[in-house]
N, C-alpha and C. Protein backbone atom coordinates (compact mmCIF):
# COMPACT_ATOMS: atom_id res chain seq x y z
N UNK A 1 0.86 -1.26 -0.02
CA UNK A 1 -0.04 0.02 0.06
C UNK A 1 0.90 1.24 0.04
N UNK A 2 0.58 2.21 -0.97
CA UNK A 2 1.40 3.38 -1.03
C UNK A 2 0.98 4.47 0.04
N UNK A 3 1.66 5.49 0.11
CA UNK A 3 1.40 6.57 1.13
C UNK A 3 -0.02 7.13 0.90
N UNK A 4 -0.32 7.35 -0.37
CA UNK A 4 -1.63 8.02 -0.73
C UNK A 4 -2.75 7.09 -0.25
N UNK A 5 -2.66 5.84 -0.56
CA UNK A 5 -3.69 4.85 -0.23
C UNK A 5 -3.83 4.74 1.27
N UNK A 6 -2.66 4.73 1.95
CA UNK A 6 -2.72 4.65 3.40
C UNK A 6 -3.37 5.93 4.03
N UNK A 7 -3.14 7.04 3.40
CA UNK A 7 -3.64 8.26 3.90
C UNK A 7 -5.24 8.25 3.66
N UNK A 8 -5.65 7.78 2.55
CA UNK A 8 -7.05 7.65 2.22
C UNK A 8 -7.81 6.81 3.29
N UNK A 9 -7.15 5.69 3.64
CA UNK A 9 -7.79 4.82 4.69
C UNK A 9 -7.79 5.47 6.00
N UNK A 10 -6.79 6.25 6.36
CA UNK A 10 -6.73 7.00 7.65
C UNK A 10 -7.79 8.03 7.63
N UNK A 11 -7.99 8.81 6.61
CA UNK A 11 -8.97 9.83 6.48
C UNK A 11 -10.40 9.16 6.59
N UNK A 12 -10.65 8.09 5.92
CA UNK A 12 -11.90 7.44 6.00
C UNK A 12 -12.16 7.00 7.37
N UNK A 13 -11.23 6.53 8.16
CA UNK A 13 -11.34 6.08 9.45
C UNK A 13 -11.80 7.26 10.35
N UNK A 14 -11.14 8.43 10.17
CA UNK A 14 -11.52 9.60 10.95
C UNK A 14 -12.91 10.14 10.64
N UNK A 15 -13.16 10.07 9.36
CA UNK A 15 -14.52 10.40 8.99
C UNK A 15 -15.70 9.50 9.68
N UNK A 16 -15.38 8.29 9.80
CA UNK A 16 -16.27 7.35 10.42
C UNK A 16 -16.38 7.65 11.89
N UNK A 17 -15.17 8.04 12.49
CA UNK A 17 -15.20 8.47 13.88
C UNK A 17 -16.03 9.73 14.09
N UNK A 18 -15.89 10.69 13.12
CA UNK A 18 -16.61 11.89 13.22
C UNK A 18 -18.12 11.74 13.08
N UNK A 19 -18.47 10.79 12.17
CA UNK A 19 -19.87 10.45 11.95
C UNK A 19 -20.55 9.96 13.31
N UNK A 20 -19.72 9.13 13.96
CA UNK A 20 -20.18 8.54 15.30
C UNK A 20 -20.30 9.69 16.27
N UNK A 21 -19.37 10.55 16.32
CA UNK A 21 -19.43 11.66 17.23
C UNK A 21 -20.59 12.60 16.99
N UNK A 22 -20.88 12.78 15.74
CA UNK A 22 -22.11 13.68 15.33
C UNK A 22 -23.33 13.02 15.87
N UNK A 23 -23.45 11.72 15.64
CA UNK A 23 -24.65 11.00 16.12
C UNK A 23 -24.79 11.08 17.67
N UNK A 24 -23.61 11.02 18.31
CA UNK A 24 -23.66 11.15 19.75
C UNK A 24 -24.03 12.42 20.23
N UNK A 25 -23.63 13.52 19.54
CA UNK A 25 -24.02 14.81 19.88
C UNK A 25 -25.51 15.11 19.59
N UNK A 26 -26.01 14.51 18.46
CA UNK A 26 -27.46 14.57 18.18
C UNK A 26 -28.25 14.01 19.33
N UNK A 27 -27.86 12.96 19.77
CA UNK A 27 -28.61 12.16 20.87
C UNK A 27 -28.63 13.00 22.21
N UNK A 28 -27.45 13.57 22.55
CA UNK A 28 -27.35 14.38 23.63
C UNK A 28 -28.10 15.71 23.60
N UNK A 29 -28.15 16.20 22.36
CA UNK A 29 -28.89 17.46 22.12
C UNK A 29 -30.31 17.21 22.23
N UNK A 30 -30.76 16.03 21.78
CA UNK A 30 -32.19 15.70 21.94
C UNK A 30 -32.72 15.67 23.41
N UNK A 31 -31.81 15.42 24.21
CA UNK A 31 -32.15 15.27 25.67
C UNK A 31 -32.04 16.69 26.42
N UNK A 32 -31.38 17.62 25.74
CA UNK A 32 -31.20 18.94 26.36
C UNK A 32 -32.48 19.69 26.29
N UNK A 33 -32.59 20.78 27.06
CA UNK A 33 -33.77 21.73 27.02
C UNK A 33 -33.94 22.36 25.73
N UNK A 34 -35.04 22.93 25.40
CA UNK A 34 -35.38 23.44 24.04
C UNK A 34 -34.37 24.57 23.64
N UNK A 35 -34.02 25.47 24.62
CA UNK A 35 -33.08 26.51 24.21
C UNK A 35 -31.70 25.98 23.86
N UNK A 36 -31.29 25.10 24.76
CA UNK A 36 -29.94 24.41 24.45
C UNK A 36 -29.93 23.54 23.20
N UNK A 37 -31.09 22.90 22.99
CA UNK A 37 -31.20 22.02 21.84
C UNK A 37 -30.98 22.70 20.57
N UNK A 38 -31.48 23.89 20.36
CA UNK A 38 -31.42 24.68 19.18
C UNK A 38 -29.85 25.01 18.92
N UNK A 39 -29.20 25.30 20.02
CA UNK A 39 -27.74 25.67 19.94
C UNK A 39 -26.89 24.46 19.48
N UNK A 40 -27.29 23.31 20.00
CA UNK A 40 -26.52 22.14 19.67
C UNK A 40 -26.92 21.63 18.33
N UNK A 41 -28.11 21.82 17.90
CA UNK A 41 -28.50 21.39 16.48
C UNK A 41 -27.73 22.27 15.54
N UNK A 42 -27.57 23.52 15.90
CA UNK A 42 -26.76 24.43 14.99
C UNK A 42 -25.36 23.90 14.85
N UNK A 43 -24.77 23.51 16.02
CA UNK A 43 -23.36 23.05 16.02
C UNK A 43 -23.22 21.71 15.25
N UNK A 44 -24.26 20.85 15.42
CA UNK A 44 -24.16 19.56 14.60
C UNK A 44 -24.15 19.89 13.15
N UNK A 45 -25.11 20.81 12.74
CA UNK A 45 -25.10 21.14 11.32
C UNK A 45 -23.84 21.68 10.82
N UNK A 46 -23.20 22.55 11.67
CA UNK A 46 -21.86 23.09 11.21
C UNK A 46 -20.81 21.92 11.12
N UNK A 47 -20.88 21.01 11.96
CA UNK A 47 -19.95 19.91 11.92
C UNK A 47 -20.23 19.09 10.66
N UNK A 48 -21.52 18.81 10.33
CA UNK A 48 -21.82 18.11 9.17
C UNK A 48 -21.29 18.74 7.93
N UNK A 49 -21.38 20.07 7.84
CA UNK A 49 -20.96 20.78 6.74
C UNK A 49 -19.44 20.61 6.57
N UNK A 50 -18.67 20.70 7.69
CA UNK A 50 -17.19 20.47 7.65
C UNK A 50 -16.92 19.02 7.27
N UNK A 51 -17.61 18.13 7.81
CA UNK A 51 -17.40 16.69 7.50
C UNK A 51 -17.67 16.45 6.06
N UNK A 52 -18.65 17.01 5.54
CA UNK A 52 -19.00 16.75 4.04
C UNK A 52 -17.87 17.42 3.22
N UNK A 53 -17.32 18.52 3.62
CA UNK A 53 -16.18 19.10 2.87
C UNK A 53 -14.97 18.16 2.85
N UNK A 54 -14.80 17.50 3.97
CA UNK A 54 -13.76 16.53 4.07
C UNK A 54 -13.97 15.30 3.15
N UNK A 55 -15.21 14.89 3.13
CA UNK A 55 -15.60 13.85 2.17
C UNK A 55 -15.24 14.21 0.80
N UNK A 56 -15.58 15.38 0.32
CA UNK A 56 -15.28 15.86 -0.91
C UNK A 56 -13.77 15.86 -1.20
N UNK A 57 -13.04 16.35 -0.20
CA UNK A 57 -11.59 16.38 -0.27
C UNK A 57 -11.05 14.96 -0.46
N UNK A 58 -11.69 13.99 0.20
CA UNK A 58 -11.22 12.56 0.09
C UNK A 58 -11.40 12.06 -1.29
N UNK A 59 -12.57 12.45 -1.92
CA UNK A 59 -12.80 12.06 -3.26
C UNK A 59 -11.79 12.71 -4.19
N UNK A 60 -11.46 14.03 -3.99
CA UNK A 60 -10.45 14.68 -4.77
C UNK A 60 -9.12 14.01 -4.64
N UNK A 61 -8.78 13.56 -3.37
CA UNK A 61 -7.57 12.84 -3.19
C UNK A 61 -7.43 11.62 -4.03
N UNK A 62 -8.50 10.91 -4.18
CA UNK A 62 -8.49 9.65 -4.93
C UNK A 62 -8.23 9.98 -6.38
N UNK A 63 -8.40 11.17 -6.84
CA UNK A 63 -8.09 11.53 -8.18
C UNK A 63 -6.89 12.41 -8.38
N UNK A 64 -6.14 12.69 -7.27
CA UNK A 64 -5.11 13.68 -7.28
C UNK A 64 -3.79 13.12 -7.83
N UNK A 65 -3.00 13.97 -8.47
CA UNK A 65 -1.68 13.67 -8.99
C UNK A 65 -0.71 13.91 -7.84
N UNK A 66 0.63 13.78 -8.01
CA UNK A 66 1.56 13.96 -7.01
C UNK A 66 1.67 15.30 -6.50
N UNK A 67 1.62 16.34 -7.29
CA UNK A 67 1.68 17.81 -6.79
C UNK A 67 0.35 18.05 -5.94
N UNK A 68 -0.77 17.63 -6.47
CA UNK A 68 -1.96 17.92 -5.76
C UNK A 68 -1.99 17.15 -4.46
N UNK A 69 -1.42 15.97 -4.43
CA UNK A 69 -1.40 15.12 -3.19
C UNK A 69 -0.62 15.95 -2.13
N UNK A 70 0.48 16.56 -2.44
CA UNK A 70 1.31 17.29 -1.47
C UNK A 70 0.42 18.42 -0.83
N UNK A 71 -0.27 19.22 -1.73
CA UNK A 71 -1.04 20.31 -1.19
C UNK A 71 -2.25 19.71 -0.41
N UNK A 72 -2.78 18.67 -0.77
CA UNK A 72 -3.94 18.00 -0.17
C UNK A 72 -3.58 17.63 1.26
N UNK A 73 -2.43 17.12 1.44
CA UNK A 73 -2.00 16.64 2.80
C UNK A 73 -1.97 17.83 3.77
N UNK A 74 -1.53 18.91 3.27
CA UNK A 74 -1.51 20.22 4.14
C UNK A 74 -2.89 20.61 4.49
N UNK A 75 -3.70 20.72 3.49
CA UNK A 75 -5.09 21.21 3.75
C UNK A 75 -5.86 20.25 4.61
N UNK A 76 -5.70 18.90 4.44
CA UNK A 76 -6.52 18.01 5.27
C UNK A 76 -6.09 18.02 6.70
N UNK A 77 -4.82 18.27 6.93
CA UNK A 77 -4.35 18.37 8.35
C UNK A 77 -5.03 19.50 9.04
N UNK A 78 -5.04 20.67 8.27
CA UNK A 78 -5.72 21.77 8.86
C UNK A 78 -7.23 21.59 9.08
N UNK A 79 -7.95 20.95 8.07
CA UNK A 79 -9.28 20.72 8.10
C UNK A 79 -9.67 19.72 9.30
N UNK A 80 -8.93 18.70 9.44
CA UNK A 80 -9.21 17.80 10.58
C UNK A 80 -9.04 18.51 11.88
N UNK A 81 -8.08 19.36 12.01
CA UNK A 81 -7.92 20.15 13.29
C UNK A 81 -9.11 21.04 13.56
N UNK A 82 -9.72 21.67 12.55
CA UNK A 82 -10.83 22.50 12.68
C UNK A 82 -12.03 21.71 13.17
N UNK A 83 -12.27 20.55 12.46
CA UNK A 83 -13.40 19.67 12.81
C UNK A 83 -13.23 19.13 14.24
N UNK A 84 -12.03 18.67 14.58
CA UNK A 84 -11.83 18.13 15.92
C UNK A 84 -12.07 19.15 16.98
N UNK A 85 -11.58 20.39 16.75
CA UNK A 85 -11.83 21.40 17.77
C UNK A 85 -13.27 21.86 17.94
N UNK A 86 -14.03 21.86 16.82
CA UNK A 86 -15.44 22.14 16.85
C UNK A 86 -16.22 21.02 17.65
N UNK A 87 -15.86 19.80 17.35
CA UNK A 87 -16.52 18.64 18.06
C UNK A 87 -16.16 18.64 19.55
N UNK A 88 -14.96 19.01 19.92
CA UNK A 88 -14.58 19.02 21.39
C UNK A 88 -15.33 20.21 22.07
N UNK A 89 -15.44 21.30 21.35
CA UNK A 89 -16.22 22.45 21.98
C UNK A 89 -17.72 22.03 22.16
N UNK A 90 -18.32 21.43 21.14
CA UNK A 90 -19.65 21.00 21.29
C UNK A 90 -19.89 20.00 22.42
N UNK A 91 -18.93 19.03 22.55
CA UNK A 91 -19.04 18.00 23.57
C UNK A 91 -18.87 18.67 24.99
N UNK A 92 -18.03 19.65 25.06
CA UNK A 92 -17.80 20.31 26.39
C UNK A 92 -18.94 21.07 26.69
N UNK A 93 -19.68 21.76 25.71
CA UNK A 93 -20.83 22.49 26.11
C UNK A 93 -22.02 21.61 26.50
N UNK A 94 -22.08 20.42 25.80
CA UNK A 94 -23.12 19.51 26.19
C UNK A 94 -22.82 18.92 27.64
N UNK A 95 -21.63 18.69 27.92
CA UNK A 95 -21.39 18.21 29.33
C UNK A 95 -21.74 19.34 30.41
N UNK A 96 -21.39 20.56 30.04
CA UNK A 96 -21.79 21.70 30.94
C UNK A 96 -23.20 21.80 31.07
N UNK A 97 -23.99 21.66 29.87
CA UNK A 97 -25.46 21.76 29.94
C UNK A 97 -25.99 20.61 30.81
N UNK A 98 -25.47 19.42 30.59
CA UNK A 98 -25.98 18.23 31.32
C UNK A 98 -25.93 18.49 32.81
N UNK A 99 -24.76 19.07 33.27
CA UNK A 99 -24.50 19.25 34.69
C UNK A 99 -25.49 20.25 35.32
N UNK A 100 -25.87 21.27 34.47
CA UNK A 100 -26.79 22.29 34.94
C UNK A 100 -28.14 21.88 34.94
N UNK A 101 -28.52 20.84 34.26
CA UNK A 101 -30.03 20.39 34.11
C UNK A 101 -30.38 19.75 35.38
């Protein structure tokens, strides 16, 4: 397996993990009060948009040449960081909301 293929598998595994986290946030948001629920629904939607952008990037990777591959690696690293930070913030807020309920 070459580096590009290994990277594709790693990205897909992360996307699967993010999908599970989004579902977890949806479930927790459903249990929150109405005011908090709207806030968390908005956060989940934002995460889905970012996740979908990563899916598109993965598709582009599968079609990328060597120069594009180098640029792609840099962009995906930044993209995963943004999605991870957003998910962690949403989880932290849900934990805080749960404690206050």
